[in-house]
């Protein structure tokens, strides 16, 4: 079903404008589990966004007032949790690991995924960095983690409010790994080196030694084949959200 959260993420991930709508979407993601207990006045005060601008966004999504928007958001949250529980029945991270393409043993991958999920659990937020299509593949992962109360946003160059620190996890998705390398060089002011970094790539160059640019690298086999890499991204995102749910939410 078309959850309200999914529509909010569609706007947040796809917009090119840093305006009140974008800021309100980001506020929702950062405060998703608290919204049920916040009044319209409190949301406006806490977010620093006028009630008029918030209402304009609600109207944009087809709601006549904030209360109906909030009621739909809370109701959809319950529905999403039920969906997740139903979909997780009989699903195990071990099975996904056994079936996925990988460049290491099952045990090594299981240990690696567990470490990464622990880092995500301890982080205050997760920042996704990558090209448009890989980011669209990660939306289910993004939706589930926000549902669990973990803020996950995609990086936008126009958002100057993003400054990373040791409480952040950044996930870079790049078949060649070059985009992460360039990002680190160009965006030094963001403090990328302070955050826990994860790179999903087909490029073995960035796995070991002096060329390793991320704290954790999930390397999958392939020769920068875009189609194959897209399926690998989907599997890894599924694996992360399944393992996170089973390890930290149940």
C-alpha atoms as a PDB file:
ATOM      1  CA  UNK A   1       0.000   0.000   0.000  1.00  0.00           C
ATOM      2  CA  UNK A   2       1.071   3.618  -0.465  1.00  0.00           C
ATOM      3  CA  UNK A   3       2.083   4.609   3.054  1.00  0.00           C
ATOM      4  CA  UNK A   4       2.199   8.281   3.943  1.00  0.00           C
ATOM      5  CA  UNK A   5       5.781   7.778   5.116  1.00  0.00           C
ATOM      6  CA  UNK A   6       6.677   6.484   1.647  1.00  0.00           C
ATOM      7  CA  UNK A   7       5.220   9.620   0.061  1.00  0.00           C
ATOM      8  CA  UNK A   8       7.155  11.812   2.497  1.00  0.00           C
ATOM      9  CA  UNK A   9      10.374   9.957   1.675  1.00  0.00           C
ATOM     10  CA  UNK A  10       9.638  10.288  -2.040  1.00  0.00           C
ATOM     11  CA  UNK A  11       9.463  14.061  -1.613  1.00  0.00           C
ATOM     12  CA  UNK A  12      12.461  14.227   0.726  1.00  0.00           C
ATOM     13  CA  UNK A  13      14.659  12.063  -1.499  1.00  0.00           C
ATOM     14  CA  UNK A  14      13.635  13.623  -4.791  1.00  0.00           C
ATOM     15  CA  UNK A  15      13.329  17.347  -4.184  1.00  0.00           C
ATOM     16  CA  UNK A  16      15.923  19.808  -5.431  1.00  0.00           C
ATOM     17  CA  UNK A  17      14.859  22.665  -3.155  1.00  0.00           C
ATOM     18  CA  UNK A  18      15.849  23.472   0.397  1.00  0.00           C
ATOM     19  CA  UNK A  19      12.532  24.946   1.466  1.00  0.00           C
ATOM     20  CA  UNK A  20      10.027  24.607   4.319  1.00  0.00           C
ATOM     21  CA  UNK A  21       8.570  21.446   2.770  1.00  0.00           C
ATOM     22  CA  UNK A  22      11.979  19.765   2.717  1.00  0.00           C
ATOM     23  CA  UNK A  23      12.713  20.910   6.272  1.00  0.00           C
ATOM     24  CA  UNK A  24       9.359  19.588   7.504  1.00  0.00           C
ATOM     25  CA  UNK A  25       9.940  16.210   5.828  1.00  0.00           C
ATOM     26  CA  UNK A  26      13.338  15.997   7.490  1.00  0.00           C
ATOM     27  CA  UNK A  27      11.803  16.941  10.844  1.00  0.00           C
ATOM     28  CA  UNK A  28       9.318  14.064  10.476  1.00  0.00           C
ATOM     29  CA  UNK A  29      12.110  11.573   9.782  1.00  0.00           C
ATOM     30  CA  UNK A  30      14.145  12.789  12.763  1.00  0.00           C
ATOM     31  CA  UNK A  31      11.149  12.752  15.134  1.00  0.00           C
ATOM     32  CA  UNK A  32       9.003  10.019  13.627  1.00  0.00           C
ATOM     33  CA  UNK A  33       8.139   8.109  16.808  1.00  0.00           C
ATOM     34  CA  UNK A  34       7.536  11.294  18.825  1.00  0.00           C
ATOM     35  CA  UNK A  35       5.011  12.880  16.462  1.00  0.00           C
ATOM     36  CA  UNK A  36       2.046  11.023  17.963  1.00  0.00           C
ATOM     37  CA  UNK A  37       2.571  12.858  21.260  1.00  0.00           C
ATOM     38  CA  UNK A  38       3.245  16.310  19.794  1.00  0.00           C
ATOM     39  CA  UNK A  39       0.526  18.879  19.144  1.00  0.00           C
ATOM     40  CA  UNK A  40       0.463  21.041  16.029  1.00  0.00           C
ATOM     41  CA  UNK A  41       1.797  23.969  18.074  1.00  0.00           C
ATOM     42  CA  UNK A  42       4.616  21.860  19.513  1.00  0.00           C
ATOM     43  CA  UNK A  43       5.608  20.574  16.070  1.00  0.00           C
ATOM     44  CA  UNK A  44       5.764  24.129  14.740  1.00  0.00           C
ATOM     45  CA  UNK A  45       7.814  25.368  17.703  1.00  0.00           C
ATOM     46  CA  UNK A  46      10.191  22.410  17.764  1.00  0.00           C
ATOM     47  CA  UNK A  47      10.780  22.411  14.004  1.00  0.00           C
ATOM     48  CA  UNK A  48      10.977  26.182  13.634  1.00  0.00           C
ATOM     49  CA  UNK A  49       8.553  25.951  10.701  1.00  0.00           C
ATOM     50  CA  UNK A  50       5.420  28.089  10.612  1.00  0.00           C
ATOM     51  CA  UNK A  51       2.027  26.417  10.961  1.00  0.00           C
ATOM     52  CA  UNK A  52       1.067  27.885   7.588  1.00  0.00           C
ATOM     53  CA  UNK A  53       4.028  26.223   5.834  1.00  0.00           C
ATOM     54  CA  UNK A  54       3.297  22.906   7.560  1.00  0.00           C
ATOM     55  CA  UNK A  55      -0.352  23.108   6.557  1.00  0.00           C
ATOM     56  CA  UNK A  56       0.644  23.943   2.968  1.00  0.00           C
ATOM     57  CA  UNK A  57       2.620  20.692   2.839  1.00  0.00           C
ATOM     58  CA  UNK A  58      -0.287  18.716   4.312  1.00  0.00           C
ATOM     59  CA  UNK A  59      -2.589  20.183   1.648  1.00  0.00           C
ATOM     60  CA  UNK A  60      -0.012  19.281  -1.023  1.00  0.00           C
ATOM     61  CA  UNK A  61      -0.415  15.635   0.035  1.00  0.00           C
ATOM     62  CA  UNK A  62      -4.213  15.838   0.015  1.00  0.00           C
ATOM     63  CA  UNK A  63      -5.053  16.614   3.659  1.00  0.00           C
ATOM     64  CA  UNK A  64      -7.302  19.465   4.764  1.00  0.00           C
ATOM     65  CA  UNK A  65      -5.656  19.930   8.147  1.00  0.00           C
ATOM     66  CA  UNK A  66      -2.661  18.827  10.206  1.00  0.00           C
ATOM     67  CA  UNK A  67      -4.673  16.548  12.494  1.00  0.00           C
ATOM     68  CA  UNK A  68      -5.857  14.332   9.630  1.00  0.00           C
ATOM     69  CA  UNK A  69      -2.280  14.233   8.303  1.00  0.00           C
ATOM     70  CA  UNK A  70      -0.991  13.182  11.728  1.00  0.00           C
ATOM     71  CA  UNK A  71      -3.748  10.571  12.185  1.00  0.00           C
ATOM     72  CA  UNK A  72      -2.867   8.999   8.834  1.00  0.00           C
ATOM     73  CA  UNK A  73       0.844   8.991   9.690  1.00  0.00           C
ATOM     74  CA  UNK A  74       0.236   7.270  13.048  1.00  0.00           C
ATOM     75  CA  UNK A  75      -2.198   4.754  11.540  1.00  0.00           C
ATOM     76  CA  UNK A  76       0.212   3.914   8.728  1.00  0.00           C
ATOM     77  CA  UNK A  77       2.988   3.389  11.270  1.00  0.00           C
ATOM     78  CA  UNK A  78       0.967   0.632  12.926  1.00  0.00           C
ATOM     79  CA  UNK A  79       0.161  -0.896   9.543  1.00  0.00           C
ATOM     80  CA  UNK A  80       3.819  -0.870   8.511  1.00  0.00           C
ATOM     81  CA  UNK A  81       4.871  -2.617  11.718  1.00  0.00           C
ATOM     82  CA  UNK A  82       2.283  -5.330  11.077  1.00  0.00           C
ATOM     83  CA  UNK A  83       3.547  -5.683   7.500  1.00  0.00           C
ATOM     84  CA  UNK A  84       7.128  -6.031   8.696  1.00  0.00           C
ATOM     85  CA  UNK A  85       6.212  -8.669  11.284  1.00  0.00           C
ATOM     86  CA  UNK A  86       4.292 -10.681   8.676  1.00  0.00           C
ATOM     87  CA  UNK A  87       7.076 -10.449   6.109  1.00  0.00           C
ATOM     88  CA  UNK A  88       9.748 -11.456   8.606  1.00  0.00           C
ATOM     89  CA  UNK A  89       8.032 -14.736   9.473  1.00  0.00           C
ATOM     90  CA  UNK A  90      10.252 -17.560   8.297  1.00  0.00           C
ATOM     91  CA  UNK A  91      12.899 -15.151   7.004  1.00  0.00           C
ATOM     92  CA  UNK A  92      16.425 -15.340   8.377  1.00  0.00           C
ATOM     93  CA  UNK A  93      19.571 -13.363   7.663  1.00  0.00           C
ATOM     94  CA  UNK A  94      21.458 -16.666   7.453  1.00  0.00           C
ATOM     95  CA  UNK A  95      19.328 -17.799   4.511  1.00  0.00           C
ATOM     96  CA  UNK A  96      19.845 -14.510   2.698  1.00  0.00           C
ATOM     97  CA  UNK A  97      23.591 -14.752   3.270  1.00  0.00           C
ATOM     98  CA  UNK A  98      23.683 -18.317   1.948  1.00  0.00           C
ATOM     99  CA  UNK A  99      21.923 -17.277  -1.257  1.00  0.00           C
ATOM    100  CA  UNK A 100      23.673 -13.955  -1.967  1.00  0.00           C
ATOM    101  CA  UNK A 101      26.679 -13.291  -4.177  1.00  0.00           C
ATOM    102  CA  UNK A 102      29.655 -12.456  -1.990  1.00  0.00           C
ATOM    103  CA  UNK A 103      33.434 -12.432  -1.880  1.00  0.00           C
ATOM    104  CA  UNK A 104      33.802 -14.065   1.535  1.00  0.00           C
ATOM    105  CA  UNK A 105      32.520 -16.982   3.590  1.00  0.00           C
ATOM    106  CA  UNK A 106      29.015 -17.082   5.045  1.00  0.00           C
ATOM    107  CA  UNK A 107      30.372 -16.746   8.582  1.00  0.00           C
ATOM    108  CA  UNK A 108      32.504 -13.739   7.696  1.00  0.00           C
ATOM    109  CA  UNK A 109      29.566 -11.991   6.019  1.00  0.00           C
ATOM    110  CA  UNK A 110      27.287 -12.770   8.979  1.00  0.00           C
ATOM    111  CA  UNK A 111      29.806 -11.292  11.404  1.00  0.00           C
ATOM    112  CA  UNK A 112      30.280  -8.237   9.189  1.00  0.00           C
ATOM    113  CA  UNK A 113      26.549  -7.581   8.865  1.00  0.00           C
ATOM    114  CA  UNK A 114      26.151  -7.931  12.634  1.00  0.00           C
ATOM    115  CA  UNK A 115      28.904  -5.360  13.253  1.00  0.00           C
ATOM    116  CA  UNK A 116      27.376  -2.927  10.744  1.00  0.00           C
ATOM    117  CA  UNK A 117      23.888  -3.302  12.246  1.00  0.00           C
ATOM    118  CA  UNK A 118      25.335  -2.623  15.691  1.00  0.00           C
ATOM    119  CA  UNK A 119      26.953   0.562  14.363  1.00  0.00           C
ATOM    120  CA  UNK A 120      23.617   1.620  12.843  1.00  0.00           C
ATOM    121  CA  UNK A 121      21.783   0.858  16.105  1.00  0.00           C
ATOM    122  CA  UNK A 122      24.192   3.022  18.112  1.00  0.00           C
ATOM    123  CA  UNK A 123      24.176   5.874  15.592  1.00  0.00           C
ATOM    124  CA  UNK A 124      21.919   8.917  15.939  1.00  0.00           C
ATOM    125  CA  UNK A 125      21.223   8.814  12.183  1.00  0.00           C
ATOM    126  CA  UNK A 126      22.214   7.171   8.907  1.00  0.00           C
ATOM    127  CA  UNK A 127      23.167   9.135   5.783  1.00  0.00           C
ATOM    128  CA  UNK A 128      22.872   7.427   2.385  1.00  0.00           C
ATOM    129  CA  UNK A 129      25.162   8.622  -0.408  1.00  0.00           C
ATOM    130  CA  UNK A 130      24.991   7.477  -4.011  1.00  0.00           C
ATOM    131  CA  UNK A 131      23.508   7.925  -7.459  1.00  0.00           C
ATOM    132  CA  UNK A 132      19.758   8.226  -8.044  1.00  0.00           C
ATOM    133  CA  UNK A 133      18.923   4.637  -8.989  1.00  0.00           C
ATOM    134  CA  UNK A 134      20.936   2.902  -6.231  1.00  0.00           C
ATOM    135  CA  UNK A 135      19.316   5.274  -3.744  1.00  0.00           C
ATOM    136  CA  UNK A 136      15.849   4.325  -5.009  1.00  0.00           C
ATOM    137  CA  UNK A 137      16.678   0.663  -4.378  1.00  0.00           C
ATOM    138  CA  UNK A 138      17.513   1.512  -0.759  1.00  0.00           C
ATOM    139  CA  UNK A 139      14.113   3.111  -0.035  1.00  0.00           C
ATOM    140  CA  UNK A 140      12.620  -0.046   1.572  1.00  0.00           C
ATOM    141  CA  UNK A 141      15.631  -0.187   3.903  1.00  0.00           C
ATOM    142  CA  UNK A 142      15.162   3.520   4.626  1.00  0.00           C
ATOM    143  CA  UNK A 143      11.424   3.106   5.275  1.00  0.00           C
ATOM    144  CA  UNK A 144      11.868   0.198   7.682  1.00  0.00           C
ATOM    145  CA  UNK A 145      14.601   1.848   9.724  1.00  0.00           C
ATOM    146  CA  UNK A 146      12.599   5.069  10.048  1.00  0.00           C
ATOM    147  CA  UNK A 147       9.655   2.911  11.164  1.00  0.00           C
ATOM    148  CA  UNK A 148      11.924   1.470  13.869  1.00  0.00           C
ATOM    149  CA  UNK A 149      12.806   5.011  14.968  1.00  0.00           C
ATOM    150  CA  UNK A 150      16.194   5.353  13.256  1.00  0.00           C
ATOM    151  CA  UNK A 151      16.487   8.502  11.106  1.00  0.00           C
ATOM    152  CA  UNK A 152      17.784   7.663   7.618  1.00  0.00           C
ATOM    153  CA  UNK A 153      18.150  10.399   5.017  1.00  0.00           C
ATOM    154  CA  UNK A 154      19.767  10.687   1.616  1.00  0.00           C
ATOM    155  CA  UNK A 155      22.541  13.232   1.241  1.00  0.00           C
ATOM    156  CA  UNK A 156      21.691  16.316  -0.820  1.00  0.00           C
ATOM    157  CA  UNK A 157      24.337  18.798  -1.868  1.00  0.00           C
ATOM    158  CA  UNK A 158      21.988  21.736  -1.220  1.00  0.00           C
ATOM    159  CA  UNK A 159      21.402  20.785   2.432  1.00  0.00           C
ATOM    160  CA  UNK A 160      24.050  22.792   4.261  1.00  0.00           C
ATOM    161  CA  UNK A 161      22.731  21.691   7.673  1.00  0.00           C
ATOM    162  CA  UNK A 162      24.303  18.239   7.380  1.00  0.00           C
ATOM    163  CA  UNK A 163      27.494  18.049   9.418  1.00  0.00           C
ATOM    164  CA  UNK A 164      28.746  14.606  10.337  1.00  0.00           C
ATOM    165  CA  UNK A 165      30.254  13.473  13.624  1.00  0.00           C
ATOM    166  CA  UNK A 166      31.098  10.276  15.492  1.00  0.00           C
ATOM    167  CA  UNK A 167      27.389   9.592  16.104  1.00  0.00           C
ATOM    168  CA  UNK A 168      26.619   9.234  12.392  1.00  0.00           C
ATOM    169  CA  UNK A 169      26.822   6.294  10.003  1.00  0.00           C
ATOM    170  CA  UNK A 170      27.323   7.016   6.307  1.00  0.00           C
ATOM    171  CA  UNK A 171      26.520   4.342   3.724  1.00  0.00           C
ATOM    172  CA  UNK A 172      28.088   4.886   0.309  1.00  0.00           C
ATOM    173  CA  UNK A 173      26.775   2.819  -2.591  1.00  0.00           C
ATOM    174  CA  UNK A 174      29.115   2.824  -5.584  1.00  0.00           C
ATOM    175  CA  UNK A 175      29.987  -0.031  -7.956  1.00  0.00           C
ATOM    176  CA  UNK A 176      33.448   1.398  -8.658  1.00  0.00           C
ATOM    177  CA  UNK A 177      33.920   3.160  -5.311  1.00  0.00           C
ATOM    178  CA  UNK A 178      35.242   6.246  -7.072  1.00  0.00           C
ATOM    179  CA  UNK A 179      32.289   8.416  -6.073  1.00  0.00           C
ATOM    180  CA  UNK A 180      33.035   7.861  -2.384  1.00  0.00           C
ATOM    181  CA  UNK A 181      36.691   8.675  -2.951  1.00  0.00           C
ATOM    182  CA  UNK A 182      35.739  11.916  -4.709  1.00  0.00           C
ATOM    183  CA  UNK A 183      33.090  12.753  -2.093  1.00  0.00           C
ATOM    184  CA  UNK A 184      35.618  12.503   0.733  1.00  0.00           C
ATOM    185  CA  UNK A 185      38.032  14.814  -1.068  1.00  0.00           C
ATOM    186  CA  UNK A 186      35.447  17.407  -2.104  1.00  0.00           C
ATOM    187  CA  UNK A 187      33.314  17.400   1.056  1.00  0.00           C
ATOM    188  CA  UNK A 188      35.969  17.519   3.762  1.00  0.00           C
ATOM    189  CA  UNK A 189      34.023  20.239   5.579  1.00  0.00           C
ATOM    190  CA  UNK A 190      31.221  17.731   6.290  1.00  0.00           C
ATOM    191  CA  UNK A 191      33.442  15.741   8.634  1.00  0.00           C
ATOM    192  CA  UNK A 192      33.071  12.457   6.743  1.00  0.00           C
ATOM    193  CA  UNK A 193      36.142  11.083   8.506  1.00  0.00           C
ATOM    194  CA  UNK A 194      34.410  11.485  11.890  1.00  0.00           C
ATOM    195  CA  UNK A 195      31.445   9.256  11.020  1.00  0.00           C
ATOM    196  CA  UNK A 196      31.413   5.474  10.773  1.00  0.00           C
ATOM    197  CA  UNK A 197      31.558   4.808   7.031  1.00  0.00           C
ATOM    198  CA  UNK A 198      30.297   1.822   5.046  1.00  0.00           C
ATOM    199  CA  UNK A 199      30.994   1.248   1.356  1.00  0.00           C
ATOM    200  CA  UNK A 200      29.028  -1.198  -0.804  1.00  0.00           C
ATOM    201  CA  UNK A 201      31.047  -1.814  -3.972  1.00  0.00           C
ATOM    202  CA  UNK A 202      32.234  -4.254  -6.628  1.00  0.00           C
ATOM    203  CA  UNK A 203      35.727  -2.756  -6.576  1.00  0.00           C
ATOM    204  CA  UNK A 204      38.171  -4.912  -4.625  1.00  0.00           C
ATOM    205  CA  UNK A 205      40.715  -2.074  -4.662  1.00  0.00           C
ATOM    206  CA  UNK A 206      38.964  -0.379  -1.736  1.00  0.00           C
ATOM    207  CA  UNK A 207      38.799  -3.467   0.476  1.00  0.00           C
ATOM    208  CA  UNK A 208      42.349  -3.634   1.832  1.00  0.00           C
ATOM    209  CA  UNK A 209      45.444  -1.598   2.540  1.00  0.00           C
ATOM    210  CA  UNK A 210      46.190   2.005   1.707  1.00  0.00           C
ATOM    211  CA  UNK A 211      43.262   2.283  -0.714  1.00  0.00           C
ATOM    212  CA  UNK A 212      40.652   1.374   1.898  1.00  0.00           C
ATOM    213  CA  UNK A 213      38.540   4.507   2.367  1.00  0.00           C
ATOM    214  CA  UNK A 214      35.684   3.192   4.544  1.00  0.00           C
ATOM    215  CA  UNK A 215      35.576   1.649   8.003  1.00  0.00           C
ATOM    216  CA  UNK A 216      33.596  -1.283   6.598  1.00  0.00           C
ATOM    217  CA  UNK A 217      33.495  -2.451   2.988  1.00  0.00           C
ATOM    218  CA  UNK A 218      30.893  -4.890   1.692  1.00  0.00           C
ATOM    219  CA  UNK A 219      32.520  -6.173  -1.482  1.00  0.00           C
ATOM    220  CA  UNK A 220      30.406  -8.117  -3.951  1.00  0.00           C
ATOM    221  CA  UNK A 221      31.722  -9.878  -7.072  1.00  0.00           C
ATOM    222  CA  UNK A 222      31.338  -8.296 -10.483  1.00  0.00           C
ATOM    223  CA  UNK A 223      32.999  -6.069 -13.035  1.00  0.00           C
ATOM    224  CA  UNK A 224      30.999  -2.884 -12.496  1.00  0.00           C
ATOM    225  CA  UNK A 225      27.920  -4.423 -14.101  1.00  0.00           C
ATOM    226  CA  UNK A 226      25.133  -1.970 -13.293  1.00  0.00           C
ATOM    227  CA  UNK A 227      22.274  -4.470 -13.609  1.00  0.00           C
ATOM    228  CA  UNK A 228      23.937  -7.129 -11.465  1.00  0.00           C
ATOM    229  CA  UNK A 229      25.038  -4.536  -8.912  1.00  0.00           C
ATOM    230  CA  UNK A 230      21.460  -3.293  -8.556  1.00  0.00           C
ATOM    231  CA  UNK A 231      20.318  -6.786  -7.525  1.00  0.00           C
ATOM    232  CA  UNK A 232      23.251  -7.024  -5.123  1.00  0.00           C
ATOM    233  CA  UNK A 233      22.290  -3.699  -3.528  1.00  0.00           C
ATOM    234  CA  UNK A 234      18.739  -4.958  -3.058  1.00  0.00           C
ATOM    235  CA  UNK A 235      19.971  -8.149  -1.377  1.00  0.00           C
ATOM    236  CA  UNK A 236      22.332  -6.283   0.952  1.00  0.00           C
ATOM    237  CA  UNK A 237      19.644  -3.768   1.944  1.00  0.00           C
ATOM    238  CA  UNK A 238      17.220  -6.638   2.632  1.00  0.00           C
ATOM    239  CA  UNK A 239      19.888  -8.407   4.661  1.00  0.00           C
ATOM    240  CA  UNK A 240      20.618  -5.315   6.741  1.00  0.00           C
ATOM    241  CA  UNK A 241      16.970  -4.569   7.517  1.00  0.00           C
ATOM    242  CA  UNK A 242      16.167  -8.220   8.332  1.00  0.00           C
ATOM    243  CA  UNK A 243      19.186  -8.588  10.606  1.00  0.00           C
ATOM    244  CA  UNK A 244      18.541  -5.197  12.247  1.00  0.00           C
ATOM    245  CA  UNK A 245      14.915  -6.116  12.923  1.00  0.00           C
ATOM    246  CA  UNK A 246      15.785  -9.511  14.394  1.00  0.00           C
ATOM    247  CA  UNK A 247      18.744  -8.276  16.421  1.00  0.00           C
ATOM    248  CA  UNK A 248      17.473  -4.950  17.741  1.00  0.00           C
ATOM    249  CA  UNK A 249      13.714  -4.660  17.356  1.00  0.00           C
ATOM    250  CA  UNK A 250      12.202  -7.997  18.357  1.00  0.00           C
END
